[in-house]
Amino acid sequence: MSTHTHDIQKEIKGYYLVFGALLVFTVVTVGASYLKFPIVFAIILALCIATIKASLVACYFMHLISEKKLVYIVLSFTVIFFFVLLTLPAYEHHDIITGTQYLHTKGATTHVEHGH
């Protein structure tokens, strides 16, 4: 009976540590939002912090850290699919309507039609 109580106390301590880490990363996120980073770096930093926090929640509070190999395989496909969907908007500039051309002059976008 005493080993069971010891195991529970160990798990509770782990939950408190994860909770503390989540609080620290939340403070880091808020602090980083006040810094004047370039937008690309700010987005990358925010996504990295969010990924760490989500991993902590998934591993410890959702008990994925002790799951079987199949769960990790499915989770890895989910992560790959997420990043593929995340990068799709980056290829939007290749999606130009046939017969049109976009000219960029001094920050403004001008639409010119050919053949009229």
N, C-alpha and C. Protein backbone atom coordinates (compact mmCIF):
# COMPACT_ATOMS: atom_id res chain seq x y z
N MET A 1 0.82 -1.19 0.00
CA MET A 1 0.00 0.00 0.00
C MET A 1 0.86 1.26 0.00
N SER A 2 1.98 1.22 0.69
CA SER A 2 2.83 2.40 0.76
C SER A 2 3.50 2.70 -0.58
N THR A 3 3.81 1.68 -1.39
CA THR A 3 4.38 1.94 -2.71
C THR A 3 3.35 2.59 -3.63
N HIS A 4 2.09 2.21 -3.48
CA HIS A 4 1.04 2.83 -4.28
C HIS A 4 0.93 4.32 -3.95
N THR A 5 0.98 4.65 -2.67
CA THR A 5 0.92 6.04 -2.24
C THR A 5 2.14 6.79 -2.74
N HIS A 6 3.30 6.14 -2.71
CA HIS A 6 4.52 6.77 -3.19
C HIS A 6 4.42 7.06 -4.69
N ASP A 7 3.85 6.13 -5.47
CA ASP A 7 3.69 6.33 -6.90
C ASP A 7 2.77 7.51 -7.20
N ILE A 8 1.70 7.63 -6.44
CA ILE A 8 0.77 8.74 -6.64
C ILE A 8 1.46 10.06 -6.31
N GLN A 9 2.22 10.10 -5.23
CA GLN A 9 2.93 11.32 -4.87
C GLN A 9 3.95 11.70 -5.95
N LYS A 10 4.59 10.70 -6.54
CA LYS A 10 5.55 10.95 -7.62
C LYS A 10 4.84 11.52 -8.84
N GLU A 11 3.67 10.97 -9.17
CA GLU A 11 2.91 11.48 -10.31
C GLU A 11 2.42 12.90 -10.06
N ILE A 12 1.95 13.16 -8.87
CA ILE A 12 1.48 14.51 -8.53
C ILE A 12 2.62 15.51 -8.64
N LYS A 13 3.81 15.13 -8.17
CA LYS A 13 4.97 16.00 -8.29
C LYS A 13 5.28 16.28 -9.76
N GLY A 14 5.17 15.25 -10.61
CA GLY A 14 5.39 15.43 -12.05
C GLY A 14 4.38 16.39 -12.66
N TYR A 15 3.12 16.27 -12.24
CA TYR A 15 2.09 17.19 -12.74
C TYR A 15 2.39 18.63 -12.33
N TYR A 16 2.84 18.82 -11.11
CA TYR A 16 3.20 20.17 -10.66
C TYR A 16 4.38 20.73 -11.46
N LEU A 17 5.35 19.87 -11.77
CA LEU A 17 6.49 20.33 -12.57
C LEU A 17 6.06 20.73 -13.97
N VAL A 18 5.20 19.93 -14.58
CA VAL A 18 4.71 20.25 -15.92
C VAL A 18 3.87 21.53 -15.87
N PHE A 19 3.04 21.65 -14.85
CA PHE A 19 2.23 22.87 -14.70
C PHE A 19 3.14 24.10 -14.56
N GLY A 20 4.19 23.97 -13.77
CA GLY A 20 5.15 25.07 -13.61
C GLY A 20 5.84 25.40 -14.92
N ALA A 21 6.21 24.38 -15.69
CA ALA A 21 6.83 24.62 -16.99
C ALA A 21 5.86 25.34 -17.93
N LEU A 22 4.60 24.94 -17.90
CA LEU A 22 3.59 25.61 -18.73
C LEU A 22 3.43 27.07 -18.34
N LEU A 23 3.47 27.35 -17.05
CA LEU A 23 3.40 28.74 -16.60
C LEU A 23 4.61 29.54 -17.08
N VAL A 24 5.80 28.94 -16.97
CA VAL A 24 7.02 29.63 -17.42
C VAL A 24 6.95 29.92 -18.91
N PHE A 25 6.53 28.92 -19.71
CA PHE A 25 6.43 29.15 -21.15
C PHE A 25 5.35 30.16 -21.50
N THR A 26 4.30 30.24 -20.71
CA THR A 26 3.28 31.28 -20.93
C THR A 26 3.85 32.66 -20.67
N VAL A 27 4.63 32.80 -19.61
CA VAL A 27 5.29 34.08 -19.31
C VAL A 27 6.28 34.43 -20.43
N VAL A 28 7.01 33.44 -20.92
CA VAL A 28 7.95 33.68 -22.02
C VAL A 28 7.19 34.13 -23.27
N THR A 29 6.06 33.53 -23.54
CA THR A 29 5.25 33.91 -24.70
C THR A 29 4.78 35.36 -24.59
N VAL A 30 4.27 35.72 -23.42
CA VAL A 30 3.80 37.10 -23.22
C VAL A 30 4.98 38.07 -23.30
N GLY A 31 6.10 37.71 -22.69
CA GLY A 31 7.27 38.58 -22.75
C GLY A 31 7.79 38.76 -24.16
N ALA A 32 7.78 37.68 -24.94
CA ALA A 32 8.25 37.77 -26.32
C ALA A 32 7.33 38.64 -27.17
N SER A 33 6.06 38.70 -26.81
CA SER A 33 5.13 39.53 -27.60
C SER A 33 5.42 41.02 -27.46
N TYR A 34 6.09 41.40 -26.38
CA TYR A 34 6.43 42.81 -26.18
C TYR A 34 7.74 43.20 -26.86
N LEU A 35 8.53 42.24 -27.29
CA LEU A 35 9.78 42.53 -27.97
C LEU A 35 9.51 42.82 -29.44
N LYS A 36 10.32 43.64 -30.02
CA LYS A 36 10.13 44.06 -31.42
C LYS A 36 10.94 43.17 -32.35
N PHE A 37 10.48 41.92 -32.51
CA PHE A 37 11.12 41.00 -33.44
C PHE A 37 10.54 41.19 -34.83
N PRO A 38 11.31 40.85 -35.87
CA PRO A 38 10.70 40.81 -37.21
C PRO A 38 9.57 39.78 -37.21
N ILE A 39 8.57 40.01 -38.04
CA ILE A 39 7.35 39.22 -38.00
C ILE A 39 7.62 37.74 -38.24
N VAL A 40 8.53 37.41 -39.14
CA VAL A 40 8.81 36.00 -39.44
C VAL A 40 9.42 35.32 -38.21
N PHE A 41 10.38 35.99 -37.58
CA PHE A 41 11.01 35.43 -36.39
C PHE A 41 10.01 35.32 -35.25
N ALA A 42 9.14 36.31 -35.11
CA ALA A 42 8.13 36.29 -34.04
C ALA A 42 7.16 35.11 -34.23
N ILE A 43 6.78 34.85 -35.46
CA ILE A 43 5.87 33.73 -35.74
C ILE A 43 6.57 32.40 -35.46
N ILE A 44 7.82 32.28 -35.89
CA ILE A 44 8.57 31.04 -35.64
C ILE A 44 8.75 30.82 -34.15
N LEU A 45 9.09 31.86 -33.41
CA LEU A 45 9.25 31.76 -31.96
C LEU A 45 7.94 31.36 -31.28
N ALA A 46 6.85 32.00 -31.69
CA ALA A 46 5.55 31.68 -31.09
C ALA A 46 5.14 30.23 -31.38
N LEU A 47 5.39 29.77 -32.60
CA LEU A 47 5.05 28.38 -32.94
C LEU A 47 5.92 27.38 -32.18
N CYS A 48 7.19 27.72 -31.98
CA CYS A 48 8.08 26.82 -31.22
C CYS A 48 7.62 26.71 -29.77
N ILE A 49 7.30 27.84 -29.15
CA ILE A 49 6.82 27.82 -27.77
C ILE A 49 5.49 27.07 -27.67
N ALA A 50 4.60 27.32 -28.60
CA ALA A 50 3.30 26.63 -28.60
C ALA A 50 3.48 25.12 -28.80
N THR A 51 4.44 24.73 -29.62
CA THR A 51 4.70 23.31 -29.84
C THR A 51 5.21 22.64 -28.56
N ILE A 52 6.10 23.32 -27.87
CA ILE A 52 6.62 22.78 -26.60
C ILE A 52 5.49 22.64 -25.58
N LYS A 53 4.66 23.67 -25.47
CA LYS A 53 3.56 23.61 -24.51
C LYS A 53 2.55 22.52 -24.88
N ALA A 54 2.24 22.40 -26.15
CA ALA A 54 1.30 21.36 -26.59
C ALA A 54 1.88 19.97 -26.35
N SER A 55 3.18 19.82 -26.56
CA SER A 55 3.82 18.53 -26.31
C SER A 55 3.78 18.16 -24.84
N LEU A 56 4.00 19.13 -23.97
CA LEU A 56 3.92 18.86 -22.52
C LEU A 56 2.51 18.42 -22.13
N VAL A 57 1.52 19.12 -22.64
CA VAL A 57 0.13 18.76 -22.32
C VAL A 57 -0.20 17.38 -22.85
N ALA A 58 0.16 17.12 -24.10
CA ALA A 58 -0.15 15.82 -24.71
C ALA A 58 0.58 14.68 -24.00
N CYS A 59 1.84 14.88 -23.68
CA CYS A 59 2.63 13.80 -23.09
C CYS A 59 2.22 13.49 -21.66
N TYR A 60 1.99 14.51 -20.86
CA TYR A 60 1.77 14.27 -19.44
C TYR A 60 0.30 14.28 -19.03
N PHE A 61 -0.45 15.30 -19.45
CA PHE A 61 -1.84 15.36 -19.02
C PHE A 61 -2.73 14.41 -19.83
N MET A 62 -2.35 14.12 -21.07
CA MET A 62 -3.11 13.18 -21.88
C MET A 62 -2.48 11.79 -21.84
N HIS A 63 -1.41 11.63 -21.09
CA HIS A 63 -0.73 10.35 -20.86
C HIS A 63 -0.21 9.69 -22.13
N LEU A 64 0.18 10.49 -23.12
CA LEU A 64 0.71 9.92 -24.35
C LEU A 64 2.15 9.45 -24.19
N ILE A 65 2.81 9.88 -23.14
CA ILE A 65 4.21 9.51 -22.93
C ILE A 65 4.36 8.02 -22.64
N SER A 66 3.31 7.39 -22.18
CA SER A 66 3.39 5.96 -21.86
C SER A 66 2.61 5.10 -22.83
N GLU A 67 2.29 5.64 -23.99
CA GLU A 67 1.49 4.90 -24.97
C GLU A 67 2.34 3.96 -25.82
N LYS A 68 1.68 3.16 -26.58
CA LYS A 68 2.31 2.17 -27.44
C LYS A 68 2.88 2.82 -28.71
N LYS A 69 3.65 2.04 -29.44
CA LYS A 69 4.32 2.51 -30.64
C LYS A 69 3.33 2.96 -31.72
N LEU A 70 2.19 2.30 -31.84
CA LEU A 70 1.21 2.64 -32.86
C LEU A 70 0.68 4.07 -32.68
N VAL A 71 0.50 4.48 -31.44
CA VAL A 71 0.01 5.83 -31.18
C VAL A 71 1.02 6.86 -31.70
N TYR A 72 2.31 6.59 -31.50
CA TYR A 72 3.34 7.51 -31.98
C TYR A 72 3.39 7.55 -33.51
N ILE A 73 3.14 6.45 -34.15
CA ILE A 73 3.12 6.42 -35.61
C ILE A 73 1.97 7.28 -36.13
N VAL A 74 0.78 7.11 -35.55
CA VAL A 74 -0.37 7.91 -35.96
C VAL A 74 -0.13 9.38 -35.65
N LEU A 75 0.43 9.66 -34.50
CA LEU A 75 0.73 11.05 -34.12
C LEU A 75 1.74 11.67 -35.06
N SER A 76 2.74 10.92 -35.49
CA SER A 76 3.74 11.47 -36.41
C SER A 76 3.11 11.80 -37.77
N PHE A 77 2.20 10.95 -38.25
CA PHE A 77 1.50 11.27 -39.50
C PHE A 77 0.65 12.53 -39.34
N THR A 78 0.06 12.71 -38.18
CA THR A 78 -0.73 13.91 -37.92
C THR A 78 0.15 15.15 -37.95
N VAL A 79 1.31 15.08 -37.35
CA VAL A 79 2.24 16.22 -37.34
C VAL A 79 2.72 16.54 -38.76
N ILE A 80 3.05 15.51 -39.52
CA ILE A 80 3.48 15.72 -40.91
C ILE A 80 2.36 16.37 -41.72
N PHE A 81 1.14 15.86 -41.58
CA PHE A 81 -0.01 16.43 -42.29
C PHE A 81 -0.24 17.88 -41.88
N PHE A 82 -0.07 18.19 -40.60
CA PHE A 82 -0.23 19.56 -40.11
C PHE A 82 0.77 20.49 -40.78
N PHE A 83 2.04 20.08 -40.85
CA PHE A 83 3.05 20.94 -41.45
C PHE A 83 2.86 21.09 -42.96
N VAL A 84 2.34 20.07 -43.61
CA VAL A 84 2.03 20.20 -45.03
C VAL A 84 0.93 21.24 -45.23
N LEU A 85 -0.11 21.16 -44.41
CA LEU A 85 -1.18 22.15 -44.51
C LEU A 85 -0.71 23.54 -44.12
N LEU A 86 0.24 23.63 -43.21
CA LEU A 86 0.77 24.91 -42.77
C LEU A 86 1.57 25.59 -43.88
N THR A 87 2.23 24.80 -44.73
CA THR A 87 3.05 25.38 -45.79
C THR A 87 2.28 25.67 -47.08
N LEU A 88 1.07 25.16 -47.22
CA LEU A 88 0.31 25.40 -48.44
C LEU A 88 0.11 26.88 -48.79
N PRO A 89 -0.19 27.75 -47.83
CA PRO A 89 -0.34 29.16 -48.20
C PRO A 89 0.93 29.80 -48.76
N ALA A 90 2.09 29.22 -48.49
CA ALA A 90 3.33 29.77 -49.01
C ALA A 90 3.41 29.64 -50.52
N TYR A 91 2.67 28.71 -51.10
CA TYR A 91 2.69 28.51 -52.54
C TYR A 91 1.57 29.25 -53.25
N GLU A 92 0.91 30.15 -52.57
CA GLU A 92 -0.19 30.92 -53.13
C GLU A 92 0.28 31.82 -54.26
N HIS A 93 1.51 32.30 -54.21
CA HIS A 93 1.98 33.23 -55.24
C HIS A 93 2.12 32.56 -56.61
N HIS A 94 2.10 31.24 -56.67
CA HIS A 94 2.15 30.54 -57.95
C HIS A 94 0.76 30.39 -58.57
N ASP A 95 -0.27 30.77 -57.84
CA ASP A 95 -1.64 30.57 -58.28
C ASP A 95 -2.16 31.84 -58.93
N ILE A 96 -1.65 32.15 -60.12
CA ILE A 96 -2.05 33.35 -60.85
C ILE A 96 -2.98 32.94 -61.98
N ILE A 97 -4.05 33.68 -62.16
CA ILE A 97 -5.04 33.38 -63.20
C ILE A 97 -4.37 33.52 -64.56
N THR A 98 -4.62 32.56 -65.44
CA THR A 98 -4.03 32.56 -66.78
C THR A 98 -4.49 33.79 -67.54
N GLY A 99 -3.54 34.48 -68.15
CA GLY A 99 -3.86 35.67 -68.93
C GLY A 99 -3.77 36.95 -68.14
N THR A 100 -3.35 36.89 -66.92
CA THR A 100 -3.19 38.11 -66.12
C THR A 100 -1.75 38.19 -65.64
N GLN A 101 -1.37 39.38 -65.27
CA GLN A 101 -0.02 39.60 -64.77
C GLN A 101 -0.11 40.63 -63.65
N TYR A 102 0.66 40.40 -62.60
CA TYR A 102 0.68 41.34 -61.48
C TYR A 102 1.99 42.10 -61.51
N LEU A 103 1.90 43.42 -61.48
CA LEU A 103 3.08 44.27 -61.46
C LEU A 103 3.18 44.91 -60.08
N HIS A 104 4.35 44.87 -59.50
CA HIS A 104 4.56 45.47 -58.19
C HIS A 104 5.39 46.73 -58.38
N THR A 105 4.78 47.88 -58.10
CA THR A 105 5.50 49.14 -58.22
C THR A 105 5.34 49.92 -56.94
N LYS A 106 6.43 50.23 -56.29
CA LYS A 106 6.47 51.03 -55.06
C LYS A 106 5.50 50.52 -54.01
N GLY A 107 5.44 49.21 -53.81
CA GLY A 107 4.62 48.63 -52.77
C GLY A 107 3.17 48.43 -53.15
N ALA A 108 2.75 48.96 -54.29
CA ALA A 108 1.35 48.79 -54.70
C ALA A 108 1.27 47.69 -55.74
N THR A 109 0.18 46.99 -55.75
CA THR A 109 -0.04 45.93 -56.72
C THR A 109 -0.99 46.45 -57.79
N THR A 110 -0.56 46.36 -59.05
CA THR A 110 -1.38 46.80 -60.17
C THR A 110 -1.76 45.60 -60.99
N HIS A 111 -3.00 45.54 -61.39
CA HIS A 111 -3.52 44.41 -62.16
C HIS A 111 -3.58 44.83 -63.63
N VAL A 112 -2.93 44.08 -64.52
CA VAL A 112 -2.92 44.39 -65.94
C VAL A 112 -3.44 43.15 -66.69
N GLU A 113 -4.41 43.36 -67.56
CA GLU A 113 -4.95 42.24 -68.35
C GLU A 113 -4.32 42.28 -69.74
N HIS A 114 -3.99 41.12 -70.25
CA HIS A 114 -3.41 41.02 -71.60
C HIS A 114 -4.50 40.67 -72.60
N GLY A 115 -4.32 41.15 -73.81
CA GLY A 115 -5.21 40.76 -74.90
C GLY A 115 -6.41 41.65 -75.08
N HIS A 116 -6.49 42.77 -74.35
CA HIS A 116 -7.64 43.68 -74.54
C HIS A 116 -7.17 44.99 -75.08
